[in-house]
């Protein structure tokens, strides 16, 4: 096991002056001025694999972006589900190929909008989703098998994903065809937004 000193040396780029010929990556790996066949590991072919195949070093799709362009999405959502739906449809009509759904703080905390603790926060930083009807309105006239949706949400992520899938099934889109992504990063929500109800344990030493 690497010592603390070795870990620091391998993960932190040293500070070098402009006259120092050495160059380092952000992870502290020194970059050589020239690479040749002696730098290629023996198992490189096995580790690289083929595009679209395990271990996906060369991409998750065989033809990557030569065949399908990357998704263009804008972080959006505010006030009511109806107002957010209008914004989503506007973005799609003007070239967006995906949506990134912004939720208000009560929704991020798994609280209903009528909870006394939510006074002044409903619909401020994103859309308020309390019920299946809210999700239906938010995605009214948006085909969930054609438009992918990214949701940055933590504690209530599974509930919101379930609501999303129900709306898709009501549109005739099976769950496996709903292009939804949820990003559950409790450390991000704890440190930046203070909205994680499952806070990571502090580590000392």
N, C-alpha and C. Protein backbone atom coordinates (compact mmCIF):
# COMPACT_ATOMS: atom_id res chain seq x y z
N UNK A 1 0.84 -1.19 0.00
CA UNK A 1 0.00 0.00 0.00
C UNK A 1 0.88 1.24 0.00
N UNK A 2 0.51 2.23 -0.81
CA UNK A 2 1.31 3.45 -0.93
C UNK A 2 1.29 4.24 0.37
N UNK A 3 2.43 4.81 0.71
CA UNK A 3 2.50 5.65 1.90
C UNK A 3 1.84 6.98 1.61
N UNK A 4 1.54 7.74 2.67
CA UNK A 4 0.92 9.04 2.51
C UNK A 4 1.79 9.96 1.65
N UNK A 5 3.09 9.85 1.85
CA UNK A 5 4.03 10.68 1.08
C UNK A 5 4.00 10.33 -0.40
N UNK A 6 3.91 9.02 -0.69
CA UNK A 6 3.85 8.57 -2.09
C UNK A 6 2.55 8.99 -2.74
N UNK A 7 1.45 8.89 -2.01
CA UNK A 7 0.15 9.29 -2.54
C UNK A 7 0.16 10.76 -2.89
N UNK A 8 0.70 11.59 -1.99
CA UNK A 8 0.76 13.03 -2.24
C UNK A 8 1.63 13.32 -3.46
N UNK A 9 2.73 12.59 -3.56
CA UNK A 9 3.63 12.83 -4.69
C UNK A 9 2.97 12.45 -6.02
N UNK A 10 2.11 11.44 -5.99
CA UNK A 10 1.49 10.96 -7.22
C UNK A 10 0.21 11.71 -7.58
N UNK A 11 -0.35 12.44 -6.65
CA UNK A 11 -1.65 13.07 -6.93
C UNK A 11 -1.63 14.58 -6.93
N UNK A 12 -0.51 15.18 -6.59
CA UNK A 12 -0.43 16.64 -6.57
C UNK A 12 0.71 17.09 -7.47
N UNK A 13 0.40 17.91 -8.47
CA UNK A 13 1.43 18.38 -9.39
C UNK A 13 2.37 19.33 -8.65
N UNK A 14 3.68 19.12 -8.73
CA UNK A 14 4.61 20.02 -8.07
C UNK A 14 4.63 21.39 -8.75
N UNK A 15 4.95 22.39 -7.98
CA UNK A 15 5.04 23.74 -8.53
C UNK A 15 6.40 23.90 -9.19
N UNK A 16 6.38 24.21 -10.49
CA UNK A 16 7.63 24.41 -11.22
C UNK A 16 7.62 25.79 -11.85
N UNK A 17 8.80 26.39 -11.94
CA UNK A 17 8.91 27.72 -12.52
C UNK A 17 8.91 27.68 -14.04
N UNK A 18 8.79 28.83 -14.68
CA UNK A 18 8.74 28.88 -16.15
C UNK A 18 10.02 28.38 -16.82
N UNK A 19 11.15 28.40 -16.09
CA UNK A 19 12.41 27.94 -16.67
C UNK A 19 12.65 26.45 -16.45
N UNK A 20 11.78 25.80 -15.70
CA UNK A 20 11.93 24.37 -15.45
C UNK A 20 11.42 23.60 -16.67
N UNK A 21 12.23 22.74 -17.28
CA UNK A 21 11.81 22.02 -18.48
C UNK A 21 10.76 20.94 -18.21
N UNK A 22 10.58 20.56 -16.95
CA UNK A 22 9.63 19.50 -16.64
C UNK A 22 8.19 19.98 -16.76
N UNK A 23 7.31 19.06 -17.16
CA UNK A 23 5.89 19.35 -17.25
C UNK A 23 5.13 18.23 -16.56
N UNK A 24 4.04 18.60 -15.86
CA UNK A 24 3.27 17.62 -15.10
C UNK A 24 1.79 17.75 -15.42
N UNK A 25 1.08 16.62 -15.31
CA UNK A 25 -0.37 16.67 -15.40
C UNK A 25 -0.89 17.18 -14.06
N UNK A 26 -2.18 17.49 -13.99
CA UNK A 26 -2.77 17.96 -12.72
C UNK A 26 -2.66 16.90 -11.63
N UNK A 27 -2.50 15.64 -12.03
CA UNK A 27 -2.39 14.55 -11.06
C UNK A 27 -0.96 14.31 -10.61
N UNK A 28 -0.03 15.13 -11.07
CA UNK A 28 1.35 14.99 -10.64
C UNK A 28 2.19 14.02 -11.46
N UNK A 29 1.68 13.58 -12.60
CA UNK A 29 2.43 12.67 -13.46
C UNK A 29 3.30 13.48 -14.41
N UNK A 30 4.58 13.20 -14.39
CA UNK A 30 5.49 13.96 -15.26
C UNK A 30 5.28 13.55 -16.72
N UNK A 31 5.22 14.57 -17.59
CA UNK A 31 5.02 14.35 -19.02
C UNK A 31 6.37 14.41 -19.71
N UNK A 32 6.71 13.34 -20.40
CA UNK A 32 7.98 13.30 -21.11
C UNK A 32 7.93 14.17 -22.36
N UNK A 33 9.07 14.67 -22.80
CA UNK A 33 9.09 15.45 -24.04
C UNK A 33 8.90 14.58 -25.28
N UNK A 34 9.20 13.28 -25.16
CA UNK A 34 9.07 12.38 -26.30
C UNK A 34 8.69 10.98 -25.81
N UNK A 35 7.75 10.36 -26.51
CA UNK A 35 7.35 8.98 -26.21
C UNK A 35 7.64 8.09 -27.40
N UNK A 36 8.09 6.85 -27.14
CA UNK A 36 8.34 5.90 -28.22
C UNK A 36 7.77 4.54 -27.84
N UNK A 37 8.09 3.49 -28.64
CA UNK A 37 7.49 2.17 -28.42
C UNK A 37 7.83 1.58 -27.06
N UNK A 38 8.91 2.02 -26.45
CA UNK A 38 9.27 1.47 -25.14
C UNK A 38 8.30 1.93 -24.05
N UNK A 39 7.53 2.96 -24.33
CA UNK A 39 6.56 3.46 -23.35
C UNK A 39 5.22 2.74 -23.44
N UNK A 40 5.04 1.94 -24.49
CA UNK A 40 3.76 1.24 -24.68
C UNK A 40 3.75 -0.04 -23.85
N UNK A 41 2.80 -0.20 -22.93
CA UNK A 41 2.75 -1.42 -22.11
C UNK A 41 2.39 -2.64 -22.94
N UNK A 42 2.84 -3.81 -22.49
CA UNK A 42 2.62 -5.04 -23.23
C UNK A 42 1.14 -5.38 -23.39
N UNK A 43 0.32 -5.02 -22.37
CA UNK A 43 -1.09 -5.40 -22.41
C UNK A 43 -1.98 -4.27 -22.95
N UNK A 44 -1.39 -3.34 -23.71
CA UNK A 44 -2.16 -2.19 -24.18
C UNK A 44 -3.36 -2.60 -25.03
N UNK A 45 -3.16 -3.54 -25.94
CA UNK A 45 -4.25 -3.94 -26.83
C UNK A 45 -5.42 -4.51 -26.03
N UNK A 46 -5.11 -5.30 -25.01
CA UNK A 46 -6.16 -5.89 -24.16
C UNK A 46 -6.87 -4.82 -23.35
N UNK A 47 -6.10 -3.85 -22.86
CA UNK A 47 -6.69 -2.79 -22.04
C UNK A 47 -7.52 -1.82 -22.87
N UNK A 48 -7.12 -1.58 -24.11
CA UNK A 48 -7.88 -0.66 -24.97
C UNK A 48 -9.18 -1.27 -25.44
N UNK A 49 -9.11 -2.52 -25.92
CA UNK A 49 -10.30 -3.15 -26.45
C UNK A 49 -10.76 -2.47 -27.73
N UNK A 50 -11.99 -2.77 -28.13
CA UNK A 50 -12.57 -2.18 -29.33
C UNK A 50 -13.57 -1.09 -28.93
N UNK A 51 -13.76 -0.08 -29.78
CA UNK A 51 -14.77 0.95 -29.47
C UNK A 51 -16.14 0.31 -29.29
N UNK A 52 -16.84 0.73 -28.25
CA UNK A 52 -18.17 0.20 -27.99
C UNK A 52 -18.19 -1.11 -27.24
N UNK A 53 -17.01 -1.60 -26.84
CA UNK A 53 -16.92 -2.86 -26.11
C UNK A 53 -16.13 -2.67 -24.82
N UNK A 54 -16.38 -3.58 -23.87
CA UNK A 54 -15.66 -3.56 -22.60
C UNK A 54 -14.16 -3.58 -22.86
N UNK A 55 -13.33 -2.78 -22.18
CA UNK A 55 -13.64 -1.91 -21.02
C UNK A 55 -14.00 -0.48 -21.40
N UNK A 56 -14.41 -0.22 -22.64
CA UNK A 56 -14.90 1.08 -23.11
C UNK A 56 -13.85 2.18 -23.04
N UNK A 57 -12.57 1.82 -23.08
CA UNK A 57 -11.50 2.82 -23.07
C UNK A 57 -11.58 3.70 -24.31
N UNK A 58 -12.05 3.13 -25.40
CA UNK A 58 -12.11 3.87 -26.67
C UNK A 58 -13.52 4.36 -26.97
N UNK A 59 -14.35 4.47 -25.95
CA UNK A 59 -15.69 5.03 -26.14
C UNK A 59 -16.79 4.00 -25.93
N UNK A 60 -17.95 4.48 -25.49
CA UNK A 60 -19.07 3.57 -25.19
C UNK A 60 -19.85 3.17 -26.44
N UNK A 61 -19.70 3.93 -27.52
CA UNK A 61 -20.37 3.60 -28.77
C UNK A 61 -19.32 3.29 -29.84
N UNK A 62 -19.64 2.39 -30.73
CA UNK A 62 -18.66 1.96 -31.72
C UNK A 62 -18.19 3.11 -32.61
N UNK A 63 -19.13 3.96 -33.05
CA UNK A 63 -18.76 5.06 -33.93
C UNK A 63 -18.76 6.41 -33.22
N UNK A 64 -19.07 6.38 -31.92
CA UNK A 64 -19.07 7.60 -31.10
C UNK A 64 -19.79 8.76 -31.82
N UNK A 65 -19.20 9.96 -31.81
CA UNK A 65 -19.92 11.12 -32.31
C UNK A 65 -19.87 11.28 -33.82
N UNK A 66 -19.22 10.34 -34.53
CA UNK A 66 -19.29 10.37 -35.99
C UNK A 66 -20.68 9.96 -36.46
N UNK A 67 -21.35 9.15 -35.63
CA UNK A 67 -22.68 8.68 -36.00
C UNK A 67 -23.77 9.48 -35.30
N UNK A 68 -23.57 9.79 -34.03
CA UNK A 68 -24.59 10.51 -33.26
C UNK A 68 -23.95 11.66 -32.51
N UNK A 69 -24.42 12.87 -32.79
CA UNK A 69 -23.86 14.04 -32.13
C UNK A 69 -24.17 14.02 -30.64
N UNK A 70 -23.35 14.69 -29.85
CA UNK A 70 -23.57 14.75 -28.42
C UNK A 70 -24.85 15.51 -28.11
N UNK A 71 -25.41 15.22 -26.95
CA UNK A 71 -26.66 15.86 -26.54
C UNK A 71 -26.39 17.30 -26.12
N UNK A 72 -27.23 18.20 -26.59
CA UNK A 72 -27.15 19.60 -26.20
C UNK A 72 -28.32 19.88 -25.25
N UNK A 73 -27.98 20.22 -24.01
CA UNK A 73 -29.04 20.48 -23.04
C UNK A 73 -28.70 21.72 -22.21
N UNK A 74 -29.74 22.37 -21.73
CA UNK A 74 -29.58 23.56 -20.89
C UNK A 74 -30.30 23.33 -19.57
N UNK A 75 -29.63 23.68 -18.48
CA UNK A 75 -30.21 23.53 -17.15
C UNK A 75 -31.39 24.48 -17.02
N UNK A 76 -32.58 23.94 -16.85
CA UNK A 76 -33.77 24.78 -16.83
C UNK A 76 -34.86 24.20 -15.94
N UNK A 77 -35.70 25.08 -15.46
CA UNK A 77 -36.80 24.70 -14.59
C UNK A 77 -37.01 25.79 -13.56
N UNK A 78 -38.22 26.28 -13.44
CA UNK A 78 -38.51 27.32 -12.45
C UNK A 78 -40.01 27.42 -12.23
N UNK A 79 -40.38 28.01 -11.11
CA UNK A 79 -41.78 28.28 -10.78
C UNK A 79 -42.63 27.01 -10.86
N UNK A 80 -43.68 27.05 -11.67
CA UNK A 80 -44.61 25.91 -11.71
C UNK A 80 -44.22 24.93 -12.82
N UNK A 81 -44.84 23.76 -12.77
CA UNK A 81 -44.59 22.75 -13.80
C UNK A 81 -45.04 23.27 -15.16
N UNK A 82 -46.12 24.04 -15.20
CA UNK A 82 -46.63 24.57 -16.47
C UNK A 82 -45.62 25.55 -17.09
N UNK A 83 -45.07 26.44 -16.27
CA UNK A 83 -44.10 27.41 -16.78
C UNK A 83 -42.81 26.72 -17.23
N UNK A 84 -42.42 25.70 -16.51
CA UNK A 84 -41.23 24.94 -16.88
C UNK A 84 -41.46 24.19 -18.19
N UNK A 85 -42.67 23.63 -18.36
CA UNK A 85 -43.00 22.94 -19.60
C UNK A 85 -42.89 23.88 -20.80
N UNK A 86 -43.36 25.10 -20.63
CA UNK A 86 -43.27 26.09 -21.71
C UNK A 86 -41.80 26.35 -22.06
N UNK A 87 -40.96 26.43 -21.03
CA UNK A 87 -39.54 26.66 -21.26
C UNK A 87 -38.90 25.45 -21.94
N UNK A 88 -39.23 24.25 -21.50
CA UNK A 88 -38.67 23.04 -22.10
C UNK A 88 -39.03 22.95 -23.59
N UNK A 89 -40.28 23.23 -23.90
CA UNK A 89 -40.73 23.15 -25.29
C UNK A 89 -40.05 24.22 -26.14
N UNK A 90 -39.85 25.38 -25.55
CA UNK A 90 -39.14 26.45 -26.28
C UNK A 90 -37.71 26.02 -26.60
N UNK A 91 -37.02 25.42 -25.61
CA UNK A 91 -35.64 24.99 -25.82
C UNK A 91 -35.56 23.92 -26.91
N UNK A 92 -36.49 22.96 -26.89
CA UNK A 92 -36.49 21.89 -27.89
C UNK A 92 -36.75 22.46 -29.28
N UNK A 93 -37.70 23.40 -29.36
CA UNK A 93 -38.02 24.02 -30.65
C UNK A 93 -36.84 24.82 -31.21
N UNK A 94 -35.92 25.23 -30.32
CA UNK A 94 -34.79 26.05 -30.77
C UNK A 94 -33.46 25.28 -30.74
N UNK A 95 -33.55 23.96 -30.84
CA UNK A 95 -32.33 23.19 -31.06
C UNK A 95 -31.84 22.29 -29.95
N UNK A 96 -32.38 22.39 -28.75
CA UNK A 96 -31.93 21.50 -27.68
C UNK A 96 -32.33 20.06 -28.00
N UNK A 97 -31.42 19.14 -27.77
CA UNK A 97 -31.72 17.73 -28.02
C UNK A 97 -31.91 16.96 -26.72
N UNK A 98 -31.84 17.67 -25.60
CA UNK A 98 -32.05 17.06 -24.29
C UNK A 98 -32.41 18.13 -23.29
N UNK A 99 -32.88 17.72 -22.13
CA UNK A 99 -33.25 18.65 -21.07
C UNK A 99 -32.45 18.35 -19.81
N UNK A 100 -32.14 19.38 -19.05
CA UNK A 100 -31.52 19.21 -17.75
C UNK A 100 -32.45 19.88 -16.75
N UNK A 101 -33.09 19.07 -15.94
CA UNK A 101 -34.19 19.54 -15.10
C UNK A 101 -33.69 20.12 -13.78
N UNK A 102 -34.02 21.38 -13.54
CA UNK A 102 -33.66 22.04 -12.29
C UNK A 102 -34.85 21.98 -11.33
N UNK A 103 -34.61 21.50 -10.12
CA UNK A 103 -35.66 21.41 -9.11
C UNK A 103 -35.47 22.50 -8.06
N UNK A 104 -36.58 22.92 -7.46
CA UNK A 104 -36.46 23.90 -6.38
C UNK A 104 -35.95 23.18 -5.12
N UNK A 105 -35.57 23.96 -4.12
CA UNK A 105 -34.97 23.38 -2.92
C UNK A 105 -35.91 22.45 -2.16
N UNK A 106 -37.20 22.79 -2.01
CA UNK A 106 -38.09 21.84 -1.33
C UNK A 106 -38.13 20.48 -2.02
N UNK A 107 -38.19 20.47 -3.34
CA UNK A 107 -38.19 19.20 -4.07
C UNK A 107 -36.89 18.45 -3.84
N UNK A 108 -35.77 19.16 -3.85
CA UNK A 108 -34.48 18.51 -3.62
C UNK A 108 -34.40 17.89 -2.23
N UNK A 109 -35.13 18.46 -1.28
CA UNK A 109 -35.12 17.94 0.08
C UNK A 109 -36.23 16.92 0.32
N UNK A 110 -37.06 16.69 -0.70
CA UNK A 110 -38.15 15.74 -0.55
C UNK A 110 -39.32 16.29 0.25
N UNK A 111 -39.49 17.61 0.23
CA UNK A 111 -40.58 18.25 0.97
C UNK A 111 -41.69 18.70 0.03
N UNK A 112 -42.92 18.66 0.50
CA UNK A 112 -44.04 19.17 -0.28
C UNK A 112 -44.04 20.69 -0.25
N UNK A 113 -44.57 21.29 -1.30
CA UNK A 113 -44.57 22.75 -1.40
C UNK A 113 -45.37 23.44 -0.30
N UNK A 114 -46.36 22.72 0.27
CA UNK A 114 -47.18 23.35 1.31
C UNK A 114 -46.60 23.13 2.71
N UNK A 115 -45.42 22.55 2.80
CA UNK A 115 -44.76 22.39 4.10
C UNK A 115 -44.35 23.77 4.61
N UNK A 116 -44.63 24.10 5.88
CA UNK A 116 -44.29 25.42 6.43
C UNK A 116 -42.81 25.78 6.27
N UNK A 117 -41.95 24.78 6.25
CA UNK A 117 -40.51 25.04 6.12
C UNK A 117 -40.13 25.52 4.73
N UNK A 118 -41.04 25.41 3.77
CA UNK A 118 -40.73 25.76 2.38
C UNK A 118 -41.15 27.18 2.02
N UNK A 119 -41.66 27.92 2.99
CA UNK A 119 -42.14 29.28 2.73
C UNK A 119 -41.05 30.13 2.07
N UNK A 120 -41.36 30.69 0.92
CA UNK A 120 -40.42 31.56 0.21
C UNK A 120 -39.44 30.84 -0.69
N UNK A 121 -39.47 29.50 -0.70
CA UNK A 121 -38.51 28.75 -1.50
C UNK A 121 -39.15 27.98 -2.67
N UNK A 122 -40.45 27.87 -2.68
CA UNK A 122 -41.13 27.09 -3.71
C UNK A 122 -40.96 27.73 -5.09
N UNK A 123 -40.39 26.98 -6.02
CA UNK A 123 -40.22 27.47 -7.38
C UNK A 123 -39.14 28.51 -7.58
N UNK A 124 -38.30 28.74 -6.59
CA UNK A 124 -37.28 29.80 -6.72
C UNK A 124 -36.06 29.35 -7.52
N UNK A 125 -35.50 28.23 -7.18
CA UNK A 125 -34.27 27.79 -7.84
C UNK A 125 -34.53 26.68 -8.86
N UNK A 126 -35.78 26.35 -9.09
CA UNK A 126 -36.12 25.29 -10.03
C UNK A 126 -37.61 25.01 -9.95
N UNK A 127 -38.03 23.98 -10.65
CA UNK A 127 -39.45 23.65 -10.69
C UNK A 127 -39.85 22.85 -9.45
N UNK A 128 -41.07 23.09 -8.98
CA UNK A 128 -41.60 22.36 -7.83
C UNK A 128 -42.35 21.13 -8.34
N UNK A 129 -41.89 19.94 -7.94
CA UNK A 129 -42.56 18.69 -8.32
C UNK A 129 -43.02 18.00 -7.03
N UNK A 130 -44.33 18.02 -6.80
CA UNK A 130 -44.89 17.39 -5.61
C UNK A 130 -45.63 16.09 -5.92
N UNK A 131 -46.24 16.03 -7.09
CA UNK A 131 -47.11 14.89 -7.41
C UNK A 131 -46.87 14.40 -8.84
N UNK A 132 -47.51 13.29 -9.18
CA UNK A 132 -47.44 12.77 -10.54
C UNK A 132 -48.03 13.77 -11.52
N UNK A 133 -49.04 14.53 -11.09
CA UNK A 133 -49.65 15.53 -11.98
C UNK A 133 -48.65 16.61 -12.36
N UNK A 134 -47.80 17.00 -11.40
CA UNK A 134 -46.76 17.99 -11.72
C UNK A 134 -45.83 17.47 -12.80
N UNK A 135 -45.44 16.20 -12.70
CA UNK A 135 -44.54 15.62 -13.69
C UNK A 135 -45.23 15.49 -15.04
N UNK A 136 -46.52 15.17 -15.03
CA UNK A 136 -47.28 15.09 -16.29
C UNK A 136 -47.29 16.45 -16.99
N UNK A 137 -47.54 17.49 -16.21
CA UNK A 137 -47.60 18.84 -16.79
C UNK A 137 -46.23 19.27 -17.28
N UNK A 138 -45.19 18.98 -16.52
CA UNK A 138 -43.83 19.40 -16.90
C UNK A 138 -43.41 18.81 -18.23
N UNK A 139 -43.88 17.58 -18.54
CA UNK A 139 -43.46 16.92 -19.78
C UNK A 139 -44.61 16.75 -20.77
N UNK A 140 -45.62 17.59 -20.64
CA UNK A 140 -46.74 17.55 -21.58
C UNK A 140 -46.24 17.86 -23.00
N UNK A 141 -46.62 17.01 -23.96
CA UNK A 141 -46.25 17.17 -25.38
C UNK A 141 -44.75 17.05 -25.64
N UNK A 142 -44.01 16.44 -24.72
CA UNK A 142 -42.59 16.19 -24.92
C UNK A 142 -42.39 14.68 -25.00
N UNK A 143 -41.97 14.15 -26.15
CA UNK A 143 -41.80 12.69 -26.31
C UNK A 143 -40.59 12.18 -25.54
N UNK A 144 -40.83 11.41 -24.50
CA UNK A 144 -39.75 10.97 -23.62
C UNK A 144 -38.87 9.88 -24.22
N UNK A 145 -39.24 9.34 -25.37
CA UNK A 145 -38.37 8.38 -26.03
C UNK A 145 -37.44 9.06 -27.04
N UNK A 146 -37.64 10.35 -27.25
CA UNK A 146 -36.82 11.11 -28.20
C UNK A 146 -35.96 12.16 -27.52
N UNK A 147 -36.44 12.68 -26.42
CA UNK A 147 -35.71 13.73 -25.70
C UNK A 147 -35.19 13.15 -24.39
N UNK A 148 -33.89 13.21 -24.18
CA UNK A 148 -33.32 12.69 -22.93
C UNK A 148 -33.37 13.76 -21.86
N UNK A 149 -33.52 13.34 -20.62
CA UNK A 149 -33.62 14.27 -19.50
C UNK A 149 -32.61 13.93 -18.43
N UNK A 150 -31.87 14.93 -18.01
CA UNK A 150 -30.91 14.77 -16.92
C UNK A 150 -31.49 15.43 -15.67
N UNK A 151 -31.43 14.73 -14.54
CA UNK A 151 -31.96 15.27 -13.29
C UNK A 151 -30.88 15.24 -12.22
N UNK A 152 -30.51 16.42 -11.73
CA UNK A 152 -29.55 16.49 -10.64
C UNK A 152 -30.33 16.51 -9.34
N UNK A 153 -30.45 15.37 -8.72
CA UNK A 153 -31.29 15.24 -7.53
C UNK A 153 -30.73 14.11 -6.67
N UNK A 154 -30.90 14.19 -5.38
CA UNK A 154 -30.30 13.20 -4.49
C UNK A 154 -31.33 12.40 -3.70
N UNK A 155 -31.70 12.91 -2.53
CA UNK A 155 -32.55 12.12 -1.64
C UNK A 155 -33.82 11.59 -2.31
N UNK A 156 -34.61 12.42 -3.03
CA UNK A 156 -35.84 11.90 -3.64
C UNK A 156 -35.64 11.42 -5.08
N UNK A 157 -34.40 11.11 -5.48
CA UNK A 157 -34.12 10.74 -6.87
C UNK A 157 -34.96 9.56 -7.36
N UNK A 158 -35.06 8.51 -6.55
CA UNK A 158 -35.78 7.32 -6.98
C UNK A 158 -37.26 7.61 -7.18
N UNK A 159 -37.83 8.47 -6.33
CA UNK A 159 -39.25 8.81 -6.45
C UNK A 159 -39.49 9.60 -7.73
N UNK A 160 -38.63 10.59 -8.00
CA UNK A 160 -38.81 11.42 -9.19
C UNK A 160 -38.58 10.63 -10.46
N UNK A 161 -37.64 9.71 -10.42
CA UNK A 161 -37.40 8.86 -11.60
C UNK A 161 -38.62 7.98 -11.84
N UNK A 162 -39.22 7.49 -10.78
CA UNK A 162 -40.43 6.67 -10.90
C UNK A 162 -41.57 7.48 -11.54
N UNK A 163 -41.76 8.72 -11.09
CA UNK A 163 -42.79 9.59 -11.66
C UNK A 163 -42.52 9.82 -13.15
N UNK A 164 -41.26 10.02 -13.47
CA UNK A 164 -40.86 10.25 -14.87
C UNK A 164 -41.19 9.03 -15.73
N UNK A 165 -40.90 7.84 -15.20
CA UNK A 165 -41.17 6.62 -15.95
C UNK A 165 -42.67 6.40 -16.13
N UNK A 166 -43.45 6.77 -15.12
CA UNK A 166 -44.91 6.63 -15.22
C UNK A 166 -45.44 7.53 -16.33
N UNK A 167 -44.94 8.76 -16.40
CA UNK A 167 -45.35 9.68 -17.47
C UNK A 167 -44.97 9.10 -18.82
N UNK A 168 -43.78 8.50 -18.91
CA UNK A 168 -43.36 7.88 -20.15
C UNK A 168 -44.28 6.73 -20.54
N UNK A 169 -44.64 5.88 -19.57
CA UNK A 169 -45.52 4.76 -19.85
C UNK A 169 -46.90 5.24 -20.30
N UNK A 170 -47.36 6.35 -19.73
CA UNK A 170 -48.65 6.92 -20.17
C UNK A 170 -48.57 7.44 -21.60
N UNK A 171 -47.35 7.79 -22.03
CA UNK A 171 -47.14 8.21 -23.42
C UNK A 171 -46.96 7.01 -24.35
N UNK A 172 -46.91 5.80 -23.76
CA UNK A 172 -46.66 4.61 -24.56
C UNK A 172 -45.19 4.27 -24.67
N UNK A 173 -44.37 4.90 -23.84
CA UNK A 173 -42.92 4.67 -23.87
C UNK A 173 -42.55 3.76 -22.69
N UNK A 174 -42.05 2.55 -22.94
CA UNK A 174 -41.66 1.66 -21.84
C UNK A 174 -40.49 2.24 -21.07
N UNK A 175 -40.35 1.84 -19.81
CA UNK A 175 -39.30 2.39 -18.94
C UNK A 175 -37.92 2.25 -19.54
N UNK A 176 -37.65 1.13 -20.21
CA UNK A 176 -36.31 0.90 -20.77
C UNK A 176 -36.00 1.86 -21.91
N UNK A 177 -37.04 2.49 -22.48
CA UNK A 177 -36.82 3.42 -23.60
C UNK A 177 -36.83 4.88 -23.16
N UNK A 178 -37.14 5.12 -21.87
CA UNK A 178 -37.12 6.49 -21.36
C UNK A 178 -35.66 6.91 -21.19
N UNK A 179 -35.28 7.94 -21.89
CA UNK A 179 -33.89 8.39 -21.83
C UNK A 179 -33.73 9.37 -20.67
N UNK A 180 -33.63 8.82 -19.46
CA UNK A 180 -33.49 9.67 -18.27
C UNK A 180 -32.19 9.36 -17.56
N UNK A 181 -31.56 10.41 -17.06
CA UNK A 181 -30.33 10.26 -16.29
C UNK A 181 -30.49 11.02 -14.99
N UNK A 182 -30.13 10.39 -13.89
CA UNK A 182 -30.18 11.11 -12.61
C UNK A 182 -28.79 11.10 -12.01
N UNK A 183 -28.38 12.23 -11.52
CA UNK A 183 -27.05 12.37 -10.96
C UNK A 183 -27.19 12.53 -9.45
N UNK A 184 -26.83 11.51 -8.72
CA UNK A 184 -26.99 11.52 -7.28
C UNK A 184 -25.64 11.76 -6.62
N UNK A 185 -25.30 13.01 -6.46
CA UNK A 185 -24.00 13.36 -5.88
C UNK A 185 -24.22 14.05 -4.55
N UNK A 186 -24.29 13.28 -3.48
CA UNK A 186 -24.59 13.86 -2.17
C UNK A 186 -23.50 14.81 -1.71
N UNK A 187 -22.24 14.55 -2.08
CA UNK A 187 -21.16 15.45 -1.65
C UNK A 187 -21.32 16.81 -2.29
N UNK A 188 -21.76 16.85 -3.55
CA UNK A 188 -21.98 18.13 -4.23
C UNK A 188 -23.12 18.90 -3.56
N UNK A 189 -24.22 18.19 -3.26
CA UNK A 189 -25.36 18.86 -2.65
C UNK A 189 -25.06 19.31 -1.24
N UNK A 190 -24.24 18.56 -0.53
CA UNK A 190 -23.90 18.94 0.84
C UNK A 190 -22.99 20.17 0.86
N UNK A 191 -21.95 20.14 0.03
CA UNK A 191 -20.96 21.21 0.06
C UNK A 191 -21.41 22.48 -0.64
N UNK A 192 -22.19 22.35 -1.71
CA UNK A 192 -22.53 23.54 -2.50
C UNK A 192 -23.93 24.06 -2.24
N UNK A 193 -24.88 23.16 -2.02
CA UNK A 193 -26.27 23.62 -1.87
C UNK A 193 -26.85 23.36 -0.49
N UNK A 194 -26.23 22.49 0.28
CA UNK A 194 -26.75 22.18 1.60
C UNK A 194 -28.08 21.49 1.55
N UNK A 195 -28.33 20.71 0.48
CA UNK A 195 -29.66 20.11 0.31
C UNK A 195 -29.67 18.59 0.43
N UNK A 196 -28.57 18.00 0.85
CA UNK A 196 -28.58 16.54 0.96
C UNK A 196 -29.14 16.12 2.32
N UNK A 197 -30.14 15.20 2.29
CA UNK A 197 -30.69 14.71 3.55
C UNK A 197 -29.95 13.45 3.99
N UNK A 198 -28.99 13.01 3.18
CA UNK A 198 -28.16 11.86 3.53
C UNK A 198 -26.71 12.31 3.50
N UNK A 199 -26.32 13.03 4.51
CA UNK A 199 -24.99 13.63 4.52
C UNK A 199 -23.89 12.59 4.71
N UNK A 200 -22.78 12.73 3.95
CA UNK A 200 -21.67 11.78 4.13
C UNK A 200 -21.03 11.96 5.49
N UNK A 201 -20.55 10.85 6.08
CA UNK A 201 -19.89 10.93 7.39
C UNK A 201 -18.54 11.60 7.25
N UNK A 202 -18.22 12.43 8.22
CA UNK A 202 -16.91 13.09 8.22
C UNK A 202 -15.82 12.09 8.54
N UNK A 203 -14.68 12.25 7.88
CA UNK A 203 -13.54 11.37 8.14
C UNK A 203 -12.40 12.17 8.72
N UNK A 204 -11.83 11.67 9.77
CA UNK A 204 -10.72 12.36 10.42
C UNK A 204 -9.47 11.50 10.34
N UNK A 205 -8.32 12.14 10.16
CA UNK A 205 -7.07 11.42 10.16
C UNK A 205 -6.77 10.73 8.86
